[in-house]
Amino acid sequence: MLLPNVDNFARNMLVDVILVLMAFTGAFTDARSGKIYNWLTFPVMIIGLAINTTLGGFAGFKLSLAGLVVGLAIQYVPFWLNLIRGGDVKFLAAAGALKGPIFVTSGFLYGAAMFGLYATIVLAFKGKLRQSLQNVGEYLKSWIVLKTETDPGAPASLTYMPWGVTLALGFLLCLLFELRFGVPFFMLQ
């Protein structure tokens, strides 16, 4: 430890405050403009690496770097397939740099579950849910059963749905679990 007089509580509090500020800012900008900006994500990545290295030594650096890499890796394929935008990838990587790989993986899973619920509600409200489910079914049938690639049909909705908002909610839910149970996921005891 480079700063032995700084206890884990202070370090965790500082990281948690930065995470909450990043989550709210990223959710706001994504909902408002459809973007999560580099001016938010890159500084948080650097701050996460710096705080964890300074206060946790080499172990803190490894945790932070692992979280950053896991955050990038989780989103790499969807980004490569143009299913998500680069800001979403960097948003997840920044949360990983702050809190580590277990936290960022849990936050991603909670965010994905919330996004699925959100998308279902939006599509149902717009009367597009049935067509979307039929398109997914046709695509899966052609890909899995027939082992062919076919056009899944016209998209039922081209409505932009901000993925960063539900990622932020996933991060905040993980933080609540971490503060309550000591781990960033719900555990039955």
N, C-alpha and C. Protein backbone atom coordinates (compact mmCIF):
# COMPACT_ATOMS: atom_id res chain seq x y z
N MET A 1 0.84 -1.19 0.00
CA MET A 1 0.00 0.00 0.00
C MET A 1 0.87 1.25 0.00
N LEU A 2 0.54 2.14 -0.89
CA LEU A 2 1.30 3.38 -0.93
C LEU A 2 0.84 4.36 0.14
N LEU A 3 -0.43 4.29 0.49
CA LEU A 3 -0.97 5.17 1.53
C LEU A 3 -1.58 4.31 2.64
N PRO A 4 -0.76 3.82 3.56
CA PRO A 4 -1.26 2.88 4.56
C PRO A 4 -2.28 3.46 5.52
N ASN A 5 -2.35 4.79 5.67
CA ASN A 5 -3.29 5.36 6.62
C ASN A 5 -4.71 5.49 6.05
N VAL A 6 -4.89 5.18 4.77
CA VAL A 6 -6.22 5.24 4.16
C VAL A 6 -6.84 3.85 4.28
N ASP A 7 -7.94 3.76 5.00
CA ASP A 7 -8.55 2.45 5.21
C ASP A 7 -9.45 2.07 4.04
N ASN A 8 -9.86 0.81 4.04
CA ASN A 8 -10.71 0.30 2.97
C ASN A 8 -12.04 1.03 2.89
N PHE A 9 -12.57 1.43 4.03
CA PHE A 9 -13.86 2.13 4.03
C PHE A 9 -13.78 3.42 3.23
N ALA A 10 -12.72 4.19 3.45
CA ALA A 10 -12.56 5.46 2.72
C ALA A 10 -12.37 5.21 1.24
N ARG A 11 -11.56 4.21 0.90
CA ARG A 11 -11.34 3.88 -0.52
C ARG A 11 -12.64 3.45 -1.17
N ASN A 12 -13.37 2.55 -0.51
CA ASN A 12 -14.63 2.07 -1.06
C ASN A 12 -15.64 3.20 -1.19
N MET A 13 -15.69 4.09 -0.22
CA MET A 13 -16.61 5.22 -0.27
C MET A 13 -16.29 6.12 -1.46
N LEU A 14 -15.02 6.41 -1.65
CA LEU A 14 -14.60 7.25 -2.77
C LEU A 14 -14.97 6.60 -4.11
N VAL A 15 -14.66 5.34 -4.27
CA VAL A 15 -14.97 4.61 -5.51
C VAL A 15 -16.48 4.55 -5.72
N ASP A 16 -17.23 4.30 -4.66
CA ASP A 16 -18.69 4.21 -4.77
C ASP A 16 -19.31 5.55 -5.18
N VAL A 17 -18.81 6.64 -4.63
CA VAL A 17 -19.33 7.96 -5.01
C VAL A 17 -19.04 8.24 -6.48
N ILE A 18 -17.84 7.92 -6.93
CA ILE A 18 -17.50 8.12 -8.34
C ILE A 18 -18.39 7.25 -9.23
N LEU A 19 -18.63 6.00 -8.82
CA LEU A 19 -19.51 5.11 -9.59
C LEU A 19 -20.91 5.69 -9.70
N VAL A 20 -21.47 6.16 -8.59
CA VAL A 20 -22.82 6.71 -8.61
C VAL A 20 -22.89 7.94 -9.51
N LEU A 21 -21.90 8.83 -9.41
CA LEU A 21 -21.88 10.02 -10.27
C LEU A 21 -21.77 9.62 -11.74
N MET A 22 -20.91 8.65 -12.04
CA MET A 22 -20.77 8.18 -13.42
C MET A 22 -22.07 7.55 -13.92
N ALA A 23 -22.71 6.73 -13.09
CA ALA A 23 -23.94 6.05 -13.50
C ALA A 23 -25.04 7.06 -13.81
N PHE A 24 -25.24 8.03 -12.93
CA PHE A 24 -26.28 9.03 -13.17
C PHE A 24 -25.96 9.89 -14.40
N THR A 25 -24.70 10.29 -14.55
CA THR A 25 -24.32 11.12 -15.69
C THR A 25 -24.45 10.35 -16.99
N GLY A 26 -23.97 9.12 -17.02
CA GLY A 26 -24.08 8.30 -18.23
C GLY A 26 -25.51 7.99 -18.59
N ALA A 27 -26.34 7.68 -17.61
CA ALA A 27 -27.75 7.42 -17.89
C ALA A 27 -28.44 8.67 -18.43
N PHE A 28 -28.13 9.81 -17.85
CA PHE A 28 -28.73 11.06 -18.29
C PHE A 28 -28.34 11.39 -19.73
N THR A 29 -27.05 11.32 -20.04
CA THR A 29 -26.62 11.68 -21.40
C THR A 29 -27.12 10.67 -22.43
N ASP A 30 -27.17 9.39 -22.05
CA ASP A 30 -27.67 8.38 -22.99
C ASP A 30 -29.16 8.56 -23.24
N ALA A 31 -29.93 8.85 -22.20
CA ALA A 31 -31.36 9.06 -22.37
C ALA A 31 -31.64 10.34 -23.16
N ARG A 32 -30.83 11.35 -22.95
CA ARG A 32 -31.06 12.65 -23.58
C ARG A 32 -30.56 12.73 -25.01
N SER A 33 -29.33 12.22 -25.25
CA SER A 33 -28.72 12.40 -26.57
C SER A 33 -28.40 11.08 -27.27
N GLY A 34 -28.60 9.96 -26.60
CA GLY A 34 -28.26 8.67 -27.19
C GLY A 34 -26.78 8.38 -27.18
N LYS A 35 -26.03 9.08 -26.34
CA LYS A 35 -24.58 8.90 -26.28
C LYS A 35 -24.07 8.88 -24.84
N ILE A 36 -23.03 8.10 -24.64
CA ILE A 36 -22.25 8.15 -23.41
C ILE A 36 -20.88 8.64 -23.85
N TYR A 37 -20.50 9.79 -23.40
CA TYR A 37 -19.37 10.51 -23.95
C TYR A 37 -18.03 10.05 -23.39
N ASN A 38 -16.99 10.22 -24.23
CA ASN A 38 -15.62 9.92 -23.81
C ASN A 38 -15.18 10.79 -22.63
N TRP A 39 -15.68 12.02 -22.55
CA TRP A 39 -15.28 12.90 -21.44
C TRP A 39 -15.73 12.34 -20.10
N LEU A 40 -16.66 11.39 -20.12
CA LEU A 40 -17.08 10.72 -18.89
C LEU A 40 -16.30 9.42 -18.69
N THR A 41 -16.25 8.58 -19.71
CA THR A 41 -15.74 7.22 -19.52
C THR A 41 -14.22 7.15 -19.37
N PHE A 42 -13.47 7.86 -20.21
CA PHE A 42 -12.01 7.75 -20.12
C PHE A 42 -11.45 8.27 -18.80
N PRO A 43 -11.89 9.43 -18.33
CA PRO A 43 -11.38 9.87 -17.01
C PRO A 43 -11.74 8.89 -15.88
N VAL A 44 -12.93 8.29 -15.93
CA VAL A 44 -13.31 7.34 -14.88
C VAL A 44 -12.43 6.09 -14.95
N MET A 45 -12.10 5.64 -16.16
CA MET A 45 -11.17 4.49 -16.28
C MET A 45 -9.83 4.83 -15.63
N ILE A 46 -9.31 5.99 -15.94
CA ILE A 46 -8.01 6.41 -15.38
C ILE A 46 -8.10 6.59 -13.88
N ILE A 47 -9.16 7.22 -13.41
CA ILE A 47 -9.35 7.43 -11.97
C ILE A 47 -9.47 6.09 -11.25
N GLY A 48 -10.24 5.15 -11.84
CA GLY A 48 -10.38 3.82 -11.23
C GLY A 48 -9.04 3.11 -11.10
N LEU A 49 -8.27 3.12 -12.18
CA LEU A 49 -6.94 2.51 -12.13
C LEU A 49 -6.05 3.21 -11.10
N ALA A 50 -6.09 4.54 -11.07
CA ALA A 50 -5.23 5.31 -10.17
C ALA A 50 -5.60 5.09 -8.70
N ILE A 51 -6.89 5.17 -8.39
CA ILE A 51 -7.32 4.99 -6.99
C ILE A 51 -6.99 3.58 -6.51
N ASN A 52 -7.35 2.59 -7.31
CA ASN A 52 -7.13 1.21 -6.87
C ASN A 52 -5.65 0.87 -6.77
N THR A 53 -4.83 1.43 -7.65
CA THR A 53 -3.38 1.20 -7.59
C THR A 53 -2.77 1.94 -6.41
N THR A 54 -3.13 3.19 -6.24
CA THR A 54 -2.56 4.00 -5.16
C THR A 54 -2.94 3.45 -3.80
N LEU A 55 -4.17 3.09 -3.62
CA LEU A 55 -4.63 2.66 -2.30
C LEU A 55 -4.59 1.14 -2.09
N GLY A 56 -4.47 0.38 -3.19
CA GLY A 56 -4.46 -1.06 -3.05
C GLY A 56 -3.19 -1.73 -3.54
N GLY A 57 -2.24 -0.93 -3.99
CA GLY A 57 -0.98 -1.49 -4.47
C GLY A 57 -1.16 -2.30 -5.74
N PHE A 58 -0.27 -3.29 -5.93
CA PHE A 58 -0.33 -4.11 -7.14
C PHE A 58 -1.63 -4.91 -7.20
N ALA A 59 -2.11 -5.36 -6.05
CA ALA A 59 -3.38 -6.11 -6.02
C ALA A 59 -4.53 -5.22 -6.49
N GLY A 60 -4.53 -3.96 -6.09
CA GLY A 60 -5.55 -3.01 -6.53
C GLY A 60 -5.46 -2.76 -8.03
N PHE A 61 -4.24 -2.65 -8.54
CA PHE A 61 -4.04 -2.46 -9.97
C PHE A 61 -4.58 -3.65 -10.75
N LYS A 62 -4.26 -4.87 -10.29
CA LYS A 62 -4.73 -6.08 -10.98
C LYS A 62 -6.26 -6.15 -10.98
N LEU A 63 -6.89 -5.83 -9.85
CA LEU A 63 -8.35 -5.84 -9.76
C LEU A 63 -8.95 -4.84 -10.74
N SER A 64 -8.40 -3.64 -10.76
CA SER A 64 -8.91 -2.58 -11.63
C SER A 64 -8.72 -2.92 -13.10
N LEU A 65 -7.54 -3.39 -13.45
CA LEU A 65 -7.26 -3.75 -14.84
C LEU A 65 -8.12 -4.93 -15.29
N ALA A 66 -8.30 -5.92 -14.41
CA ALA A 66 -9.15 -7.06 -14.74
C ALA A 66 -10.59 -6.60 -14.98
N GLY A 67 -11.08 -5.69 -14.14
CA GLY A 67 -12.43 -5.17 -14.32
C GLY A 67 -12.58 -4.42 -15.63
N LEU A 68 -11.58 -3.62 -15.97
CA LEU A 68 -11.61 -2.87 -17.23
C LEU A 68 -11.64 -3.83 -18.42
N VAL A 69 -10.78 -4.83 -18.39
CA VAL A 69 -10.70 -5.79 -19.50
C VAL A 69 -11.99 -6.61 -19.60
N VAL A 70 -12.53 -7.05 -18.47
CA VAL A 70 -13.78 -7.82 -18.49
C VAL A 70 -14.92 -6.94 -19.04
N GLY A 71 -14.96 -5.68 -18.62
CA GLY A 71 -15.98 -4.77 -19.14
C GLY A 71 -15.90 -4.62 -20.65
N LEU A 72 -14.68 -4.51 -21.17
CA LEU A 72 -14.51 -4.43 -22.62
C LEU A 72 -14.88 -5.75 -23.30
N ALA A 73 -14.46 -6.85 -22.70
CA ALA A 73 -14.67 -8.17 -23.31
C ALA A 73 -16.15 -8.54 -23.39
N ILE A 74 -16.90 -8.22 -22.35
CA ILE A 74 -18.32 -8.56 -22.32
C ILE A 74 -19.04 -7.93 -23.51
N GLN A 75 -18.66 -6.71 -23.85
CA GLN A 75 -19.37 -5.96 -24.89
C GLN A 75 -18.71 -6.05 -26.26
N TYR A 76 -17.59 -6.74 -26.39
CA TYR A 76 -16.85 -6.72 -27.64
C TYR A 76 -17.67 -7.27 -28.82
N VAL A 77 -18.23 -8.46 -28.66
CA VAL A 77 -18.98 -9.07 -29.78
C VAL A 77 -20.21 -8.26 -30.15
N PRO A 78 -21.04 -7.82 -29.19
CA PRO A 78 -22.18 -6.98 -29.60
C PRO A 78 -21.74 -5.69 -30.30
N PHE A 79 -20.63 -5.11 -29.87
CA PHE A 79 -20.13 -3.91 -30.53
C PHE A 79 -19.66 -4.24 -31.95
N TRP A 80 -18.95 -5.32 -32.10
CA TRP A 80 -18.44 -5.76 -33.40
C TRP A 80 -19.59 -6.04 -34.37
N LEU A 81 -20.72 -6.53 -33.85
CA LEU A 81 -21.90 -6.81 -34.68
C LEU A 81 -22.79 -5.57 -34.86
N ASN A 82 -22.33 -4.42 -34.37
CA ASN A 82 -23.09 -3.16 -34.45
C ASN A 82 -24.43 -3.22 -33.72
N LEU A 83 -24.49 -3.99 -32.65
CA LEU A 83 -25.70 -4.06 -31.85
C LEU A 83 -25.71 -3.00 -30.75
N ILE A 84 -24.55 -2.55 -30.37
CA ILE A 84 -24.43 -1.51 -29.37
C ILE A 84 -23.41 -0.49 -29.84
N ARG A 85 -23.34 0.62 -29.14
CA ARG A 85 -22.42 1.70 -29.50
C ARG A 85 -21.18 1.67 -28.60
N GLY A 86 -20.15 2.37 -29.05
CA GLY A 86 -18.88 2.38 -28.34
C GLY A 86 -18.97 2.95 -26.94
N GLY A 87 -19.84 3.93 -26.73
CA GLY A 87 -19.98 4.51 -25.40
C GLY A 87 -20.46 3.50 -24.37
N ASP A 88 -21.31 2.58 -24.80
CA ASP A 88 -21.79 1.54 -23.90
C ASP A 88 -20.65 0.62 -23.46
N VAL A 89 -19.76 0.31 -24.40
CA VAL A 89 -18.60 -0.54 -24.10
C VAL A 89 -17.70 0.15 -23.09
N LYS A 90 -17.39 1.42 -23.35
CA LYS A 90 -16.50 2.18 -22.47
C LYS A 90 -17.15 2.43 -21.10
N PHE A 91 -18.47 2.57 -21.07
CA PHE A 91 -19.21 2.75 -19.82
C PHE A 91 -19.01 1.53 -18.92
N LEU A 92 -19.12 0.35 -19.50
CA LEU A 92 -18.93 -0.89 -18.75
C LEU A 92 -17.47 -1.04 -18.32
N ALA A 93 -16.54 -0.69 -19.21
CA ALA A 93 -15.12 -0.78 -18.87
C ALA A 93 -14.76 0.18 -17.72
N ALA A 94 -15.35 1.37 -17.73
CA ALA A 94 -15.08 2.34 -16.65
C ALA A 94 -15.59 1.82 -15.31
N ALA A 95 -16.78 1.22 -15.31
CA ALA A 95 -17.30 0.64 -14.06
C ALA A 95 -16.39 -0.50 -13.60
N GLY A 96 -15.88 -1.28 -14.54
CA GLY A 96 -14.95 -2.36 -14.20
C GLY A 96 -13.66 -1.84 -13.61
N ALA A 97 -13.14 -0.74 -14.17
CA ALA A 97 -11.91 -0.15 -13.63
C ALA A 97 -12.11 0.34 -12.21
N LEU A 98 -13.30 0.80 -11.90
CA LEU A 98 -13.59 1.26 -10.54
C LEU A 98 -13.79 0.10 -9.56
N LYS A 99 -14.59 -0.89 -9.96
CA LYS A 99 -15.08 -1.88 -8.99
C LYS A 99 -14.61 -3.31 -9.21
N GLY A 100 -14.00 -3.62 -10.35
CA GLY A 100 -13.48 -4.96 -10.56
C GLY A 100 -14.38 -5.85 -11.40
N PRO A 101 -13.87 -7.05 -11.75
CA PRO A 101 -14.56 -7.92 -12.70
C PRO A 101 -15.87 -8.55 -12.19
N ILE A 102 -15.94 -8.90 -10.94
CA ILE A 102 -17.18 -9.51 -10.43
C ILE A 102 -18.30 -8.48 -10.42
N PHE A 103 -17.98 -7.28 -9.98
CA PHE A 103 -18.98 -6.22 -9.95
C PHE A 103 -19.48 -5.89 -11.35
N VAL A 104 -18.56 -5.72 -12.29
CA VAL A 104 -18.96 -5.31 -13.63
C VAL A 104 -19.75 -6.42 -14.33
N THR A 105 -19.41 -7.67 -14.08
CA THR A 105 -20.17 -8.78 -14.66
C THR A 105 -21.58 -8.81 -14.08
N SER A 106 -21.69 -8.66 -12.77
CA SER A 106 -23.01 -8.64 -12.13
C SER A 106 -23.82 -7.45 -12.62
N GLY A 107 -23.20 -6.28 -12.71
CA GLY A 107 -23.90 -5.09 -13.20
C GLY A 107 -24.39 -5.26 -14.61
N PHE A 108 -23.57 -5.88 -15.45
CA PHE A 108 -23.98 -6.16 -16.82
C PHE A 108 -25.20 -7.07 -16.85
N LEU A 109 -25.18 -8.15 -16.06
CA LEU A 109 -26.30 -9.10 -16.06
C LEU A 109 -27.59 -8.45 -15.56
N TYR A 110 -27.50 -7.66 -14.50
CA TYR A 110 -28.70 -6.96 -14.02
C TYR A 110 -29.18 -5.93 -15.05
N GLY A 111 -28.24 -5.21 -15.66
CA GLY A 111 -28.61 -4.24 -16.69
C GLY A 111 -29.25 -4.90 -17.89
N ALA A 112 -28.73 -6.06 -18.29
CA ALA A 112 -29.30 -6.79 -19.43
C ALA A 112 -30.72 -7.26 -19.12
N ALA A 113 -30.92 -7.76 -17.91
CA ALA A 113 -32.27 -8.20 -17.52
C ALA A 113 -33.24 -7.02 -17.51
N MET A 114 -32.80 -5.89 -17.00
CA MET A 114 -33.66 -4.70 -16.98
C MET A 114 -33.92 -4.19 -18.40
N PHE A 115 -32.91 -4.28 -19.27
CA PHE A 115 -33.09 -3.84 -20.65
C PHE A 115 -34.12 -4.73 -21.35
N GLY A 116 -34.04 -6.05 -21.11
CA GLY A 116 -35.03 -6.96 -21.71
C GLY A 116 -36.44 -6.62 -21.28
N LEU A 117 -36.62 -6.33 -20.00
CA LEU A 117 -37.93 -5.95 -19.50
C LEU A 117 -38.37 -4.62 -20.11
N TYR A 118 -37.46 -3.66 -20.15
CA TYR A 118 -37.75 -2.34 -20.73
C TYR A 118 -38.13 -2.45 -22.21
N ALA A 119 -37.34 -3.22 -22.98
CA ALA A 119 -37.62 -3.38 -24.40
C ALA A 119 -38.96 -4.07 -24.63
N THR A 120 -39.26 -5.06 -23.82
CA THR A 120 -40.55 -5.75 -23.94
C THR A 120 -41.71 -4.79 -23.70
N ILE A 121 -41.59 -3.97 -22.69
CA ILE A 121 -42.66 -3.00 -22.37
C ILE A 121 -42.80 -1.98 -23.50
N VAL A 122 -41.69 -1.44 -23.99
CA VAL A 122 -41.74 -0.44 -25.07
C VAL A 122 -42.35 -1.04 -26.32
N LEU A 123 -41.91 -2.25 -26.71
CA LEU A 123 -42.44 -2.89 -27.92
C LEU A 123 -43.92 -3.23 -27.76
N ALA A 124 -44.31 -3.69 -26.59
CA ALA A 124 -45.72 -3.98 -26.35
C ALA A 124 -46.57 -2.71 -26.43
N PHE A 125 -46.09 -1.65 -25.82
CA PHE A 125 -46.80 -0.36 -25.84
C PHE A 125 -46.97 0.16 -27.27
N LYS A 126 -45.97 -0.07 -28.12
CA LYS A 126 -46.03 0.40 -29.51
C LYS A 126 -46.70 -0.61 -30.44
N GLY A 127 -47.14 -1.75 -29.90
CA GLY A 127 -47.80 -2.76 -30.72
C GLY A 127 -46.84 -3.53 -31.62
N LYS A 128 -45.57 -3.58 -31.28
CA LYS A 128 -44.55 -4.22 -32.11
C LYS A 128 -43.98 -5.49 -31.48
N LEU A 129 -44.46 -5.89 -30.34
CA LEU A 129 -43.89 -7.03 -29.63
C LEU A 129 -44.09 -8.33 -30.40
N ARG A 130 -45.27 -8.56 -30.89
CA ARG A 130 -45.56 -9.81 -31.60
C ARG A 130 -44.65 -9.97 -32.83
N GLN A 131 -44.54 -8.91 -33.63
CA GLN A 131 -43.68 -8.97 -34.82
C GLN A 131 -42.22 -9.20 -34.43
N SER A 132 -41.77 -8.56 -33.37
CA SER A 132 -40.39 -8.75 -32.91
C SER A 132 -40.14 -10.19 -32.49
N LEU A 133 -41.07 -10.78 -31.76
CA LEU A 133 -40.92 -12.17 -31.33
C LEU A 133 -40.96 -13.12 -32.51
N GLN A 134 -41.81 -12.84 -33.50
CA GLN A 134 -41.85 -13.67 -34.70
C GLN A 134 -40.53 -13.59 -35.46
N ASN A 135 -39.97 -12.39 -35.58
CA ASN A 135 -38.68 -12.23 -36.25
C ASN A 135 -37.58 -13.01 -35.54
N VAL A 136 -37.54 -12.92 -34.22
CA VAL A 136 -36.54 -13.65 -33.45
C VAL A 136 -36.73 -15.16 -33.64
N GLY A 137 -37.97 -15.62 -33.59
CA GLY A 137 -38.26 -17.04 -33.79
C GLY A 137 -37.83 -17.53 -35.15
N GLU A 138 -38.12 -16.76 -36.20
CA GLU A 138 -37.70 -17.14 -37.55
C GLU A 138 -36.20 -17.18 -37.68
N TYR A 139 -35.54 -16.21 -37.10
CA TYR A 139 -34.08 -16.17 -37.16
C TYR A 139 -33.48 -17.38 -36.45
N LEU A 140 -33.96 -17.67 -35.24
CA LEU A 140 -33.44 -18.81 -34.48
C LEU A 140 -33.72 -20.13 -35.19
N LYS A 141 -34.91 -20.25 -35.75
CA LYS A 141 -35.26 -21.47 -36.48
C LYS A 141 -34.32 -21.67 -37.67
N SER A 142 -34.08 -20.64 -38.44
CA SER A 142 -33.22 -20.79 -39.61
C SER A 142 -31.76 -21.02 -39.21
N TRP A 143 -31.36 -20.41 -38.13
CA TRP A 143 -29.97 -20.52 -37.73
C TRP A 143 -29.67 -21.83 -37.00
N ILE A 144 -30.53 -22.21 -36.06
CA ILE A 144 -30.29 -23.39 -35.23
C ILE A 144 -30.78 -24.67 -35.90
N VAL A 145 -32.02 -24.67 -36.35
CA VAL A 145 -32.62 -25.89 -36.88
C VAL A 145 -32.13 -26.17 -38.30
N LEU A 146 -32.20 -25.17 -39.17
CA LEU A 146 -31.87 -25.37 -40.57
C LEU A 146 -30.40 -25.14 -40.89
N LYS A 147 -29.66 -24.58 -39.94
CA LYS A 147 -28.23 -24.28 -40.11
C LYS A 147 -27.98 -23.37 -41.32
N THR A 148 -28.89 -22.45 -41.56
CA THR A 148 -28.73 -21.50 -42.65
C THR A 148 -28.87 -20.09 -42.11
N GLU A 149 -28.39 -19.16 -42.90
CA GLU A 149 -28.57 -17.76 -42.53
C GLU A 149 -29.62 -17.17 -43.45
N THR A 150 -30.70 -16.73 -42.88
CA THR A 150 -31.74 -16.09 -43.67
C THR A 150 -32.02 -14.72 -43.08
N ASP A 151 -32.68 -13.93 -43.86
CA ASP A 151 -33.07 -12.60 -43.40
C ASP A 151 -34.15 -12.76 -42.33
N PRO A 152 -33.94 -12.24 -41.12
CA PRO A 152 -34.93 -12.42 -40.06
C PRO A 152 -36.18 -11.58 -40.27
N GLY A 153 -36.24 -10.81 -41.32
CA GLY A 153 -37.41 -9.98 -41.56
C GLY A 153 -37.12 -8.55 -41.19
N ALA A 154 -37.99 -7.70 -41.61
CA ALA A 154 -37.84 -6.27 -41.30
C ALA A 154 -37.96 -6.06 -39.81
N PRO A 155 -37.15 -5.17 -39.25
CA PRO A 155 -37.26 -4.91 -37.82
C PRO A 155 -38.66 -4.41 -37.48
N ALA A 156 -39.16 -4.91 -36.37
CA ALA A 156 -40.49 -4.48 -35.94
C ALA A 156 -40.45 -3.05 -35.42
N SER A 157 -39.32 -2.63 -34.96
CA SER A 157 -39.21 -1.28 -34.43
C SER A 157 -37.78 -0.79 -34.59
N LEU A 158 -37.64 0.42 -35.04
CA LEU A 158 -36.32 1.03 -35.14
C LEU A 158 -36.14 2.06 -34.04
N THR A 159 -36.92 1.96 -33.00
CA THR A 159 -36.85 2.88 -31.88
C THR A 159 -35.54 2.68 -31.12
N TYR A 160 -34.83 3.76 -30.89
CA TYR A 160 -33.61 3.70 -30.09
C TYR A 160 -34.00 3.50 -28.63
N MET A 161 -33.38 2.52 -28.00
CA MET A 161 -33.59 2.26 -26.58
C MET A 161 -32.25 2.38 -25.89
N PRO A 162 -32.08 3.33 -25.00
CA PRO A 162 -30.77 3.58 -24.39
C PRO A 162 -30.32 2.46 -23.46
N TRP A 163 -29.32 1.72 -23.90
CA TRP A 163 -28.74 0.62 -23.14
C TRP A 163 -27.99 1.14 -21.92
N GLY A 164 -27.42 2.33 -22.03
CA GLY A 164 -26.66 2.90 -20.92
C GLY A 164 -27.50 3.16 -19.69
N VAL A 165 -28.78 3.46 -19.89
CA VAL A 165 -29.67 3.72 -18.75
C VAL A 165 -29.83 2.46 -17.91
N THR A 166 -30.09 1.33 -18.57
CA THR A 166 -30.28 0.10 -17.80
C THR A 166 -28.95 -0.45 -17.27
N LEU A 167 -27.84 -0.17 -17.97
CA LEU A 167 -26.54 -0.53 -17.40
C LEU A 167 -26.30 0.23 -16.11
N ALA A 168 -26.62 1.53 -16.13
CA ALA A 168 -26.45 2.34 -14.92
C ALA A 168 -27.32 1.80 -13.79
N LEU A 169 -28.54 1.42 -14.10
CA LEU A 169 -29.42 0.83 -13.07
C LEU A 169 -28.84 -0.49 -12.56
N GLY A 170 -28.24 -1.27 -13.45
CA GLY A 170 -27.58 -2.51 -13.03
C GLY A 170 -26.42 -2.24 -12.09
N PHE A 171 -25.62 -1.21 -12.39
CA PHE A 171 -24.51 -0.83 -11.50
C PHE A 171 -25.03 -0.41 -10.13
N LEU A 172 -26.08 0.39 -10.13
CA LEU A 172 -26.63 0.88 -8.86
C LEU A 172 -27.24 -0.26 -8.04
N LEU A 173 -27.89 -1.20 -8.71
CA LEU A 173 -28.44 -2.36 -8.01
C LEU A 173 -27.30 -3.20 -7.40
N CYS A 174 -26.23 -3.39 -8.15
CA CYS A 174 -25.06 -4.12 -7.61
C CYS A 174 -24.49 -3.41 -6.40
N LEU A 175 -24.41 -2.10 -6.48
CA LEU A 175 -23.89 -1.32 -5.36
C LEU A 175 -24.77 -1.50 -4.13
N LEU A 176 -26.09 -1.48 -4.32
CA LEU A 176 -26.99 -1.71 -3.19
C LEU A 176 -26.78 -3.09 -2.58
N PHE A 177 -26.65 -4.11 -3.43
CA PHE A 177 -26.40 -5.46 -2.93
C PHE A 177 -25.05 -5.52 -2.20
N GLU A 178 -24.04 -4.86 -2.75
CA GLU A 178 -22.73 -4.86 -2.13
C GLU A 178 -22.77 -4.19 -0.75
N LEU A 179 -23.47 -3.09 -0.65
CA LEU A 179 -23.58 -2.40 0.63
C LEU A 179 -24.40 -3.19 1.64
N ARG A 180 -25.41 -3.89 1.15
CA ARG A 180 -26.29 -4.64 2.06
C ARG A 180 -25.75 -6.02 2.41
N PHE A 181 -25.25 -6.77 1.39
CA PHE A 181 -24.86 -8.16 1.59
C PHE A 181 -23.35 -8.40 1.55
N GLY A 182 -22.58 -7.38 1.14
CA GLY A 182 -21.14 -7.54 1.04
C GLY A 182 -20.66 -8.07 -0.29
N VAL A 183 -21.57 -8.43 -1.17
CA VAL A 183 -21.24 -8.91 -2.52
C VAL A 183 -22.19 -8.21 -3.51
N PRO A 184 -21.74 -8.03 -4.77
CA PRO A 184 -22.57 -7.28 -5.71
C PRO A 184 -23.68 -8.07 -6.38
N PHE A 185 -24.10 -9.14 -5.76
CA PHE A 185 -25.19 -9.92 -6.31
C PHE A 185 -26.01 -10.46 -5.16
N PHE A 186 -27.25 -10.79 -5.45
CA PHE A 186 -28.16 -11.28 -4.43
C PHE A 186 -27.84 -12.73 -4.11
N MET A 187 -27.77 -13.04 -2.83
CA MET A 187 -27.51 -14.41 -2.39
C MET A 187 -28.56 -14.81 -1.37
N LEU A 188 -29.15 -15.97 -1.59
CA LEU A 188 -30.05 -16.51 -0.59
C LEU A 188 -29.20 -17.13 0.53
N GLN A 189 -29.55 -16.80 1.76
CA GLN A 189 -28.77 -17.34 2.87
C GLN A 189 -29.60 -18.18 3.78
